[in-house]
Amino acid sequence: MSEGLNYLFNPRSIAIIGATAREGSVGSVITRNLLTKFRGRVYLVNPSYTELMGHRVYRSVLEVPGEVDLAVIVTPAPTVPKIINECVAKASR
């Protein structure tokens, strides 16, 4: 498998951008599922929180201290281009 696809199908770390505790939201469901099921490192990203479900929350993917293999973006569509640019900047560090 190519290295790029390996990051998608076998990530060691995932950033959930738009992680939230708001019941019934996509961000909440994905956050809970990955925190309980994923065996790798999960980074929560949302500028509105500092802590969520017992985990530190980063204001931006650029603040995440480790490498991010996969970014899951669960934010409103107008925010996605800026977030993608931040992910690209994070990957090029």
PDB file of N, CA and C in Angstrom:
ATOM      1  N   MET A   1       0.850  -1.170   0.000  1.00  0.00           N
ATOM      2  CA  MET A   1       0.000   0.000   0.000  1.00  0.00           C
ATOM      3  C   MET A   1       0.896   1.234   0.000  1.00  0.00           C
ATOM      4  N   SER A   2       0.513   2.246  -0.770  1.00  0.00           N
ATOM      5  CA  SER A   2       1.328   3.447  -0.795  1.00  0.00           C
ATOM      6  C   SER A   2       1.287   4.124   0.566  1.00  0.00           C
ATOM      7  N   GLU A   3       2.330   4.901   0.861  1.00  0.00           N
ATOM      8  CA  GLU A   3       2.431   5.545   2.170  1.00  0.00           C
ATOM      9  C   GLU A   3       1.250   6.476   2.428  1.00  0.00           C
ATOM     10  N   GLY A   4       0.799   7.207   1.416  1.00  0.00           N
ATOM     11  CA  GLY A   4      -0.334   8.116   1.582  1.00  0.00           C
ATOM     12  C   GLY A   4      -1.599   7.396   2.002  1.00  0.00           C
ATOM     13  N   LEU A   5      -1.890   6.270   1.385  1.00  0.00           N
ATOM     14  CA  LEU A   5      -3.078   5.499   1.752  1.00  0.00           C
ATOM     15  C   LEU A   5      -2.920   4.848   3.120  1.00  0.00           C
ATOM     16  N   ASN A   6      -1.699   4.515   3.485  1.00  0.00           N
ATOM     17  CA  ASN A   6      -1.463   3.941   4.799  1.00  0.00           C
ATOM     18  C   ASN A   6      -1.865   4.924   5.903  1.00  0.00           C
ATOM     19  N   TYR A   7      -1.592   6.220   5.698  1.00  0.00           N
ATOM     20  CA  TYR A   7      -2.018   7.237   6.668  1.00  0.00           C
ATOM     21  C   TYR A   7      -3.531   7.277   6.794  1.00  0.00           C
ATOM     22  N   LEU A   8      -4.232   7.008   5.708  1.00  0.00           N
ATOM     23  CA  LEU A   8      -5.690   7.035   5.718  1.00  0.00           C
ATOM     24  C   LEU A   8      -6.274   5.797   6.394  1.00  0.00           C
ATOM     25  N   PHE A   9      -5.759   4.625   6.043  1.00  0.00           N
ATOM     26  CA  PHE A   9      -6.339   3.379   6.535  1.00  0.00           C
ATOM     27  C   PHE A   9      -5.719   2.859   7.832  1.00  0.00           C
ATOM     28  N   ASN A  10      -4.500   3.278   8.139  1.00  0.00           N
ATOM     29  CA  ASN A  10      -3.816   2.831   9.351  1.00  0.00           C
ATOM     30  C   ASN A  10      -3.115   3.991  10.050  1.00  0.00           C
ATOM     31  N   PRO A  11      -3.845   5.041  10.394  1.00  0.00           N
ATOM     32  CA  PRO A  11      -3.179   6.193  11.020  1.00  0.00           C
ATOM     33  C   PRO A  11      -2.695   5.846  12.420  1.00  0.00           C
ATOM     34  N   ARG A  12      -1.592   6.469  12.797  1.00  0.00           N
ATOM     35  CA  ARG A  12      -1.094   6.330  14.177  1.00  0.00           C
ATOM     36  C   ARG A  12      -1.691   7.427  15.045  1.00  0.00           C
ATOM     37  N   SER A  13      -2.067   8.534  14.410  1.00  0.00           N
ATOM     38  CA  SER A  13      -2.641   9.654  15.153  1.00  0.00           C
ATOM     39  C   SER A  13      -3.718  10.326  14.308  1.00  0.00           C
ATOM     40  N   ILE A  14      -4.741  10.821  15.008  1.00  0.00           N
ATOM     41  CA  ILE A  14      -5.855  11.488  14.340  1.00  0.00           C
ATOM     42  C   ILE A  14      -6.143  12.794  15.064  1.00  0.00           C
ATOM     43  N   ALA A  15      -6.342  13.858  14.304  1.00  0.00           N
ATOM     44  CA  ALA A  15      -6.814  15.127  14.862  1.00  0.00           C
ATOM     45  C   ALA A  15      -8.282  15.268  14.479  1.00  0.00           C
ATOM     46  N   ILE A  16      -9.123  15.480  15.478  1.00  0.00           N
ATOM     47  CA  ILE A  16     -10.545  15.728  15.217  1.00  0.00           C
ATOM     48  C   ILE A  16     -10.738  17.237  15.311  1.00  0.00           C
ATOM     49  N   ILE A  17     -10.871  17.856  14.171  1.00  0.00           N
ATOM     50  CA  ILE A  17     -11.002  19.311  14.115  1.00  0.00           C
ATOM     51  C   ILE A  17     -12.493  19.635  14.098  1.00  0.00           C
ATOM     52  N   GLY A  18     -12.936  20.211  15.211  1.00  0.00           N
ATOM     53  CA  GLY A  18     -14.357  20.453  15.413  1.00  0.00           C
ATOM     54  C   GLY A  18     -14.914  19.542  16.486  1.00  0.00           C
ATOM     55  N   ALA A  19     -14.020  18.932  17.266  1.00  0.00           N
ATOM     56  CA  ALA A  19     -14.446  18.088  18.390  1.00  0.00           C
ATOM     57  C   ALA A  19     -15.340  18.914  19.301  1.00  0.00           C
ATOM     58  N   THR A  20     -16.409  18.298  19.791  1.00  0.00           N
ATOM     59  CA  THR A  20     -17.345  19.010  20.651  1.00  0.00           C
ATOM     60  C   THR A  20     -18.071  18.038  21.571  1.00  0.00           C
ATOM     61  N   ALA A  21     -18.675  18.588  22.595  1.00  0.00           N
ATOM     62  CA  ALA A  21     -19.492  17.787  23.507  1.00  0.00           C
ATOM     63  C   ALA A  21     -20.976  17.997  23.233  1.00  0.00           C
ATOM     64  N   ARG A  22     -21.311  18.785  22.230  1.00  0.00           N
ATOM     65  CA  ARG A  22     -22.709  19.085  21.924  1.00  0.00           C
ATOM     66  C   ARG A  22     -23.432  17.817  21.482  1.00  0.00           C
ATOM     67  N   GLU A  23     -24.305  17.322  22.336  1.00  0.00           N
ATOM     68  CA  GLU A  23     -25.018  16.059  22.094  1.00  0.00           C
ATOM     69  C   GLU A  23     -25.700  16.041  20.725  1.00  0.00           C
ATOM     70  N   GLY A  24     -25.575  14.926  20.053  1.00  0.00           N
ATOM     71  CA  GLY A  24     -26.221  14.720  18.770  1.00  0.00           C
ATOM     72  C   GLY A  24     -25.474  15.285  17.577  1.00  0.00           C
ATOM     73  N   SER A  25     -24.409  16.042  17.822  1.00  0.00           N
ATOM     74  CA  SER A  25     -23.656  16.618  16.699  1.00  0.00           C
ATOM     75  C   SER A  25     -22.683  15.587  16.136  1.00  0.00           C
ATOM     76  N   VAL A  26     -22.331  15.765  14.879  1.00  0.00           N
ATOM     77  CA  VAL A  26     -21.365  14.870  14.234  1.00  0.00           C
ATOM     78  C   VAL A  26     -20.031  14.924  14.975  1.00  0.00           C
ATOM     79  N   GLY A  27     -19.613  16.115  15.370  1.00  0.00           N
ATOM     80  CA  GLY A  27     -18.348  16.268  16.080  1.00  0.00           C
ATOM     81  C   GLY A  27     -18.327  15.503  17.387  1.00  0.00           C
ATOM     82  N   SER A  28     -19.444  15.478  18.092  1.00  0.00           N
ATOM     83  CA  SER A  28     -19.534  14.757  19.360  1.00  0.00           C
ATOM     84  C   SER A  28     -19.498  13.244  19.138  1.00  0.00           C
ATOM     85  N   VAL A  29     -20.241  12.763  18.172  1.00  0.00           N
ATOM     86  CA  VAL A  29     -20.293  11.320  17.892  1.00  0.00           C
ATOM     87  C   VAL A  29     -18.915  10.815  17.468  1.00  0.00           C
ATOM     88  N   ILE A  30     -18.275  11.524  16.559  1.00  0.00           N
ATOM     89  CA  ILE A  30     -16.949  11.103  16.084  1.00  0.00           C
ATOM     90  C   ILE A  30     -15.934  11.159  17.220  1.00  0.00           C
ATOM     91  N   THR A  31     -15.992  12.214  18.022  1.00  0.00           N
ATOM     92  CA  THR A  31     -15.057  12.345  19.142  1.00  0.00           C
ATOM     93  C   THR A  31     -15.211  11.187  20.111  1.00  0.00           C
ATOM     94  N   ARG A  32     -16.424  10.906  20.522  1.00  0.00           N
ATOM     95  CA  ARG A  32     -16.654   9.805  21.467  1.00  0.00           C
ATOM     96  C   ARG A  32     -16.202   8.462  20.879  1.00  0.00           C
ATOM     97  N   ASN A  33     -16.540   8.208  19.633  1.00  0.00           N
ATOM     98  CA  ASN A  33     -16.171   6.933  19.010  1.00  0.00           C
ATOM     99  C   ASN A  33     -14.658   6.767  18.915  1.00  0.00           C
ATOM    100  N   LEU A  34     -13.968   7.803  18.456  1.00  0.00           N
ATOM    101  CA  LEU A  34     -12.522   7.666  18.312  1.00  0.00           C
ATOM    102  C   LEU A  34     -11.815   7.588  19.660  1.00  0.00           C
ATOM    103  N   LEU A  35     -12.296   8.341  20.644  1.00  0.00           N
ATOM    104  CA  LEU A  35     -11.664   8.275  21.968  1.00  0.00           C
ATOM    105  C   LEU A  35     -11.836   6.903  22.611  1.00  0.00           C
ATOM    106  N   THR A  36     -12.919   6.222  22.303  1.00  0.00           N
ATOM    107  CA  THR A  36     -13.143   4.915  22.927  1.00  0.00           C
ATOM    108  C   THR A  36     -12.654   3.749  22.082  1.00  0.00           C
ATOM    109  N   LYS A  37     -12.593   3.891  20.774  1.00  0.00           N
ATOM    110  CA  LYS A  37     -12.267   2.749  19.904  1.00  0.00           C
ATOM    111  C   LYS A  37     -10.875   2.799  19.270  1.00  0.00           C
ATOM    112  N   PHE A  38     -10.379   3.990  18.967  1.00  0.00           N
ATOM    113  CA  PHE A  38      -9.103   4.111  18.253  1.00  0.00           C
ATOM    114  C   PHE A  38      -7.943   3.874  19.213  1.00  0.00           C
ATOM    115  N   ARG A  39      -6.984   3.070  18.814  1.00  0.00           N
ATOM    116  CA  ARG A  39      -5.869   2.705  19.693  1.00  0.00           C
ATOM    117  C   ARG A  39      -4.678   3.658  19.588  1.00  0.00           C
ATOM    118  N   GLY A  40      -4.690   4.532  18.592  1.00  0.00           N
ATOM    119  CA  GLY A  40      -3.595   5.488  18.439  1.00  0.00           C
ATOM    120  C   GLY A  40      -3.857   6.771  19.214  1.00  0.00           C
ATOM    121  N   ARG A  41      -3.083   7.786  18.902  1.00  0.00           N
ATOM    122  CA  ARG A  41      -3.187   9.088  19.571  1.00  0.00           C
ATOM    123  C   ARG A  41      -4.304   9.902  18.929  1.00  0.00           C
ATOM    124  N   VAL A  42      -5.178  10.477  19.760  1.00  0.00           N
ATOM    125  CA  VAL A  42      -6.264  11.329  19.276  1.00  0.00           C
ATOM    126  C   VAL A  42      -6.045  12.733  19.820  1.00  0.00           C
ATOM    127  N   TYR A  43      -5.975  13.712  18.913  1.00  0.00           N
ATOM    128  CA  TYR A  43      -5.849  15.111  19.280  1.00  0.00           C
ATOM    129  C   TYR A  43      -7.187  15.799  19.018  1.00  0.00           C
ATOM    130  N   LEU A  44      -7.708  16.490  20.003  1.00  0.00           N
ATOM    131  CA  LEU A  44      -8.955  17.223  19.847  1.00  0.00           C
ATOM    132  C   LEU A  44      -8.634  18.676  19.536  1.00  0.00           C
ATOM    133  N   VAL A  45      -9.342  19.225  18.555  1.00  0.00           N
ATOM    134  CA  VAL A  45      -9.087  20.598  18.128  1.00  0.00           C
ATOM    135  C   VAL A  45     -10.409  21.353  18.058  1.00  0.00           C
ATOM    136  N   ASN A  46     -10.480  22.450  18.815  1.00  0.00           N
ATOM    137  CA  ASN A  46     -11.644  23.330  18.782  1.00  0.00           C
ATOM    138  C   ASN A  46     -11.285  24.569  19.599  1.00  0.00           C
ATOM    139  N   PRO A  47     -11.317  25.757  18.998  1.00  0.00           N
ATOM    140  CA  PRO A  47     -10.922  26.963  19.732  1.00  0.00           C
ATOM    141  C   PRO A  47     -11.872  27.341  20.869  1.00  0.00           C
ATOM    142  N   SER A  48     -13.022  26.698  20.961  1.00  0.00           N
ATOM    143  CA  SER A  48     -13.995  27.026  22.000  1.00  0.00           C
ATOM    144  C   SER A  48     -13.797  26.240  23.299  1.00  0.00           C
ATOM    145  N   TYR A  49     -12.893  25.282  23.308  1.00  0.00           N
ATOM    146  CA  TYR A  49     -12.679  24.435  24.481  1.00  0.00           C
ATOM    147  C   TYR A  49     -11.198  24.430  24.868  1.00  0.00           C
ATOM    148  N   THR A  50     -10.928  24.132  26.120  1.00  0.00           N
ATOM    149  CA  THR A  50      -9.563  23.833  26.564  1.00  0.00           C
ATOM    150  C   THR A  50      -9.468  22.378  27.012  1.00  0.00           C
ATOM    151  N   GLU A  51     -10.620  21.798  27.377  1.00  0.00           N
ATOM    152  CA  GLU A  51     -10.693  20.405  27.811  1.00  0.00           C
ATOM    153  C   GLU A  51     -12.035  19.848  27.359  1.00  0.00           C
ATOM    154  N   LEU A  52     -12.007  18.585  26.964  1.00  0.00           N
ATOM    155  CA  LEU A  52     -13.225  17.941  26.480  1.00  0.00           C
ATOM    156  C   LEU A  52     -13.127  16.452  26.765  1.00  0.00           C
ATOM    157  N   MET A  53     -14.111  15.919  27.469  1.00  0.00           N
ATOM    158  CA  MET A  53     -14.159  14.493  27.775  1.00  0.00           C
ATOM    159  C   MET A  53     -12.872  14.008  28.438  1.00  0.00           C
ATOM    160  N   GLY A  54     -12.280  14.865  29.249  1.00  0.00           N
ATOM    161  CA  GLY A  54     -11.069  14.511  29.969  1.00  0.00           C
ATOM    162  C   GLY A  54      -9.786  14.641  29.170  1.00  0.00           C
ATOM    163  N   HIS A  55      -9.840  15.245  27.995  1.00  0.00           N
ATOM    164  CA  HIS A  55      -8.667  15.381  27.133  1.00  0.00           C
ATOM    165  C   HIS A  55      -8.410  16.855  26.824  1.00  0.00           C
ATOM    166  N   ARG A  56      -7.150  17.194  26.664  1.00  0.00           N
ATOM    167  CA  ARG A  56      -6.787  18.552  26.290  1.00  0.00           C
ATOM    168  C   ARG A  56      -7.318  18.844  24.883  1.00  0.00           C
ATOM    169  N   VAL A  57      -7.717  20.091  24.672  1.00  0.00           N
ATOM    170  CA  VAL A  57      -8.189  20.522  23.359  1.00  0.00           C
ATOM    171  C   VAL A  57      -7.288  21.654  22.877  1.00  0.00           C
ATOM    172  N   TYR A  58      -6.850  21.564  21.630  1.00  0.00           N
ATOM    173  CA  TYR A  58      -5.981  22.567  21.023  1.00  0.00           C
ATOM    174  C   TYR A  58      -6.826  23.545  20.214  1.00  0.00           C
ATOM    175  N   ARG A  59      -6.392  24.803  20.177  1.00  0.00           N
ATOM    176  CA  ARG A  59      -7.135  25.832  19.454  1.00  0.00           C
ATOM    177  C   ARG A  59      -7.038  25.642  17.937  1.00  0.00           C
ATOM    178  N   SER A  60      -5.956  25.058  17.474  1.00  0.00           N
ATOM    179  CA  SER A  60      -5.709  24.855  16.041  1.00  0.00           C
ATOM    180  C   SER A  60      -4.868  23.603  15.870  1.00  0.00           C
ATOM    181  N   VAL A  61      -4.960  22.999  14.710  1.00  0.00           N
ATOM    182  CA  VAL A  61      -4.116  21.833  14.415  1.00  0.00           C
ATOM    183  C   VAL A  61      -2.642  22.235  14.449  1.00  0.00           C
ATOM    184  N   LEU A  62      -2.358  23.510  14.232  1.00  0.00           N
ATOM    185  CA  LEU A  62      -0.975  23.982  14.281  1.00  0.00           C
ATOM    186  C   LEU A  62      -0.391  23.920  15.692  1.00  0.00           C
ATOM    187  N   GLU A  63      -1.239  23.883  16.712  1.00  0.00           N
ATOM    188  CA  GLU A  63      -0.780  23.797  18.101  1.00  0.00           C
ATOM    189  C   GLU A  63      -0.559  22.360  18.573  1.00  0.00           C
ATOM    190  N   VAL A  64      -1.006  21.388  17.813  1.00  0.00           N
ATOM    191  CA  VAL A  64      -0.854  19.980  18.202  1.00  0.00           C
ATOM    192  C   VAL A  64       0.641  19.661  18.266  1.00  0.00           C
ATOM    193  N   PRO A  65       1.105  19.107  19.394  1.00  0.00           N
ATOM    194  CA  PRO A  65       2.546  18.899  19.563  1.00  0.00           C
ATOM    195  C   PRO A  65       3.132  17.765  18.726  1.00  0.00           C
ATOM    196  N   GLY A  66       2.366  16.765  18.399  1.00  0.00           N
ATOM    197  CA  GLY A  66       2.893  15.616  17.663  1.00  0.00           C
ATOM    198  C   GLY A  66       2.493  15.641  16.201  1.00  0.00           C
ATOM    199  N   GLU A  67       2.929  14.605  15.504  1.00  0.00           N
ATOM    200  CA  GLU A  67       2.544  14.457  14.098  1.00  0.00           C
ATOM    201  C   GLU A  67       1.087  14.033  14.019  1.00  0.00           C
ATOM    202  N   VAL A  68       0.435  14.457  12.950  1.00  0.00           N
ATOM    203  CA  VAL A  68      -0.955  14.082  12.698  1.00  0.00           C
ATOM    204  C   VAL A  68      -0.995  13.315  11.382  1.00  0.00           C
ATOM    205  N   ASP A  69      -1.381  12.049  11.454  1.00  0.00           N
ATOM    206  CA  ASP A  69      -1.473  11.237  10.242  1.00  0.00           C
ATOM    207  C   ASP A  69      -2.771  11.493   9.487  1.00  0.00           C
ATOM    208  N   LEU A  70      -3.849  11.750  10.231  1.00  0.00           N
ATOM    209  CA  LEU A  70      -5.164  11.915   9.611  1.00  0.00           C
ATOM    210  C   LEU A  70      -5.918  13.021  10.333  1.00  0.00           C
ATOM    211  N   ALA A  71      -6.475  13.946   9.561  1.00  0.00           N
ATOM    212  CA  ALA A  71      -7.314  15.005  10.123  1.00  0.00           C
ATOM    213  C   ALA A  71      -8.755  14.731   9.730  1.00  0.00           C
ATOM    214  N   VAL A  72      -9.626  14.706  10.725  1.00  0.00           N
ATOM    215  CA  VAL A  72     -11.064  14.554  10.499  1.00  0.00           C
ATOM    216  C   VAL A  72     -11.667  15.926  10.777  1.00  0.00           C
ATOM    217  N   ILE A  73     -12.220  16.544   9.733  1.00  0.00           N
ATOM    218  CA  ILE A  73     -12.757  17.895   9.861  1.00  0.00           C
ATOM    219  C   ILE A  73     -14.271  17.815   9.976  1.00  0.00           C
ATOM    220  N   VAL A  74     -14.792  18.271  11.107  1.00  0.00           N
ATOM    221  CA  VAL A  74     -16.235  18.261  11.359  1.00  0.00           C
ATOM    222  C   VAL A  74     -16.668  19.671  11.786  1.00  0.00           C
ATOM    223  N   THR A  75     -16.494  20.595  10.870  1.00  0.00           N
ATOM    224  CA  THR A  75     -16.831  21.992  11.104  1.00  0.00           C
ATOM    225  C   THR A  75     -17.712  22.478   9.958  1.00  0.00           C
ATOM    226  N   PRO A  76     -18.344  23.643  10.102  1.00  0.00           N
ATOM    227  CA  PRO A  76     -19.147  24.183   9.007  1.00  0.00           C
ATOM    228  C   PRO A  76     -18.301  24.399   7.740  1.00  0.00           C
ATOM    229  N   ALA A  77     -18.913  24.184   6.601  1.00  0.00           N
ATOM    230  CA  ALA A  77     -18.226  24.251   5.309  1.00  0.00           C
ATOM    231  C   ALA A  77     -17.392  25.520   5.102  1.00  0.00           C
ATOM    232  N   PRO A  78     -17.871  26.702   5.482  1.00  0.00           N
ATOM    233  CA  PRO A  78     -17.054  27.906   5.236  1.00  0.00           C
ATOM    234  C   PRO A  78     -15.706  27.911   5.962  1.00  0.00           C
ATOM    235  N   THR A  79     -15.548  27.111   7.022  1.00  0.00           N
ATOM    236  CA  THR A  79     -14.290  27.077   7.767  1.00  0.00           C
ATOM    237  C   THR A  79     -13.275  26.102   7.179  1.00  0.00           C
ATOM    238  N   VAL A  80     -13.710  25.238   6.300  1.00  0.00           N
ATOM    239  CA  VAL A  80     -12.853  24.146   5.820  1.00  0.00           C
ATOM    240  C   VAL A  80     -11.628  24.622   5.040  1.00  0.00           C
ATOM    241  N   PRO A  81     -11.716  25.587   4.123  1.00  0.00           N
ATOM    242  CA  PRO A  81     -10.502  25.992   3.396  1.00  0.00           C
ATOM    243  C   PRO A  81      -9.367  26.453   4.321  1.00  0.00           C
ATOM    244  N   LYS A  82      -9.687  27.254   5.343  1.00  0.00           N
ATOM    245  CA  LYS A  82      -8.663  27.712   6.283  1.00  0.00           C
ATOM    246  C   LYS A  82      -8.070  26.525   7.036  1.00  0.00           C
ATOM    247  N   ILE A  83      -8.916  25.593   7.443  1.00  0.00           N
ATOM    248  CA  ILE A  83      -8.444  24.421   8.185  1.00  0.00           C
ATOM    249  C   ILE A  83      -7.542  23.557   7.310  1.00  0.00           C
ATOM    250  N   ILE A  84      -7.906  23.390   6.051  1.00  0.00           N
ATOM    251  CA  ILE A  84      -7.057  22.615   5.138  1.00  0.00           C
ATOM    252  C   ILE A  84      -5.687  23.284   5.004  1.00  0.00           C
ATOM    253  N   ASN A  85      -5.670  24.604   4.882  1.00  0.00           N
ATOM    254  CA  ASN A  85      -4.381  25.320   4.808  1.00  0.00           C
ATOM    255  C   ASN A  85      -3.558  25.101   6.070  1.00  0.00           C
ATOM    256  N   GLU A  86      -4.207  25.093   7.228  1.00  0.00           N
ATOM    257  CA  GLU A  86      -3.489  24.831   8.479  1.00  0.00           C
ATOM    258  C   GLU A  86      -2.951  23.399   8.513  1.00  0.00           C
ATOM    259  N   CYS A  87      -3.719  22.450   8.009  1.00  0.00           N
ATOM    260  CA  CYS A  87      -3.258  21.055   7.955  1.00  0.00           C
ATOM    261  C   CYS A  87      -2.038  20.927   7.043  1.00  0.00           C
ATOM    262  N   VAL A  88      -2.063  21.602   5.913  1.00  0.00           N
ATOM    263  CA  VAL A  88      -0.922  21.579   4.993  1.00  0.00           C
ATOM    264  C   VAL A  88       0.303  22.190   5.668  1.00  0.00           C
ATOM    265  N   ALA A  89       0.097  23.316   6.355  1.00  0.00           N
ATOM    266  CA  ALA A  89       1.210  23.956   7.075  1.00  0.00           C
ATOM    267  C   ALA A  89       1.751  23.027   8.164  1.00  0.00           C
ATOM    268  N   LYS A  90       0.868  22.342   8.874  1.00  0.00           N
ATOM    269  CA  LYS A  90       1.279  21.409   9.930  1.00  0.00           C
ATOM    270  C   LYS A  90       2.112  20.276   9.333  1.00  0.00           C
ATOM    271  N   ALA A  91       1.672  19.750   8.207  1.00  0.00           N
ATOM    272  CA  ALA A  91       2.380  18.628   7.569  1.00  0.00           C
ATOM    273  C   ALA A  91       3.745  19.029   7.039  1.00  0.00           C
ATOM    274  N   SER A  92       3.923  20.294   6.692  1.00  0.00           N
ATOM    275  CA  SER A  92       5.198  20.715   6.105  1.00  0.00           C
ATOM    276  C   SER A  92       6.217  21.161   7.149  1.00  0.00           C
ATOM    277  N   ARG A  93       5.847  21.098   8.433  1.00  0.00           N
ATOM    278  CA  ARG A  93       6.785  21.487   9.501  1.00  0.00           C
ATOM    279  C   ARG A  93       7.837  20.433   9.714  1.00  0.00           C
TER     280      ARG A  93
END
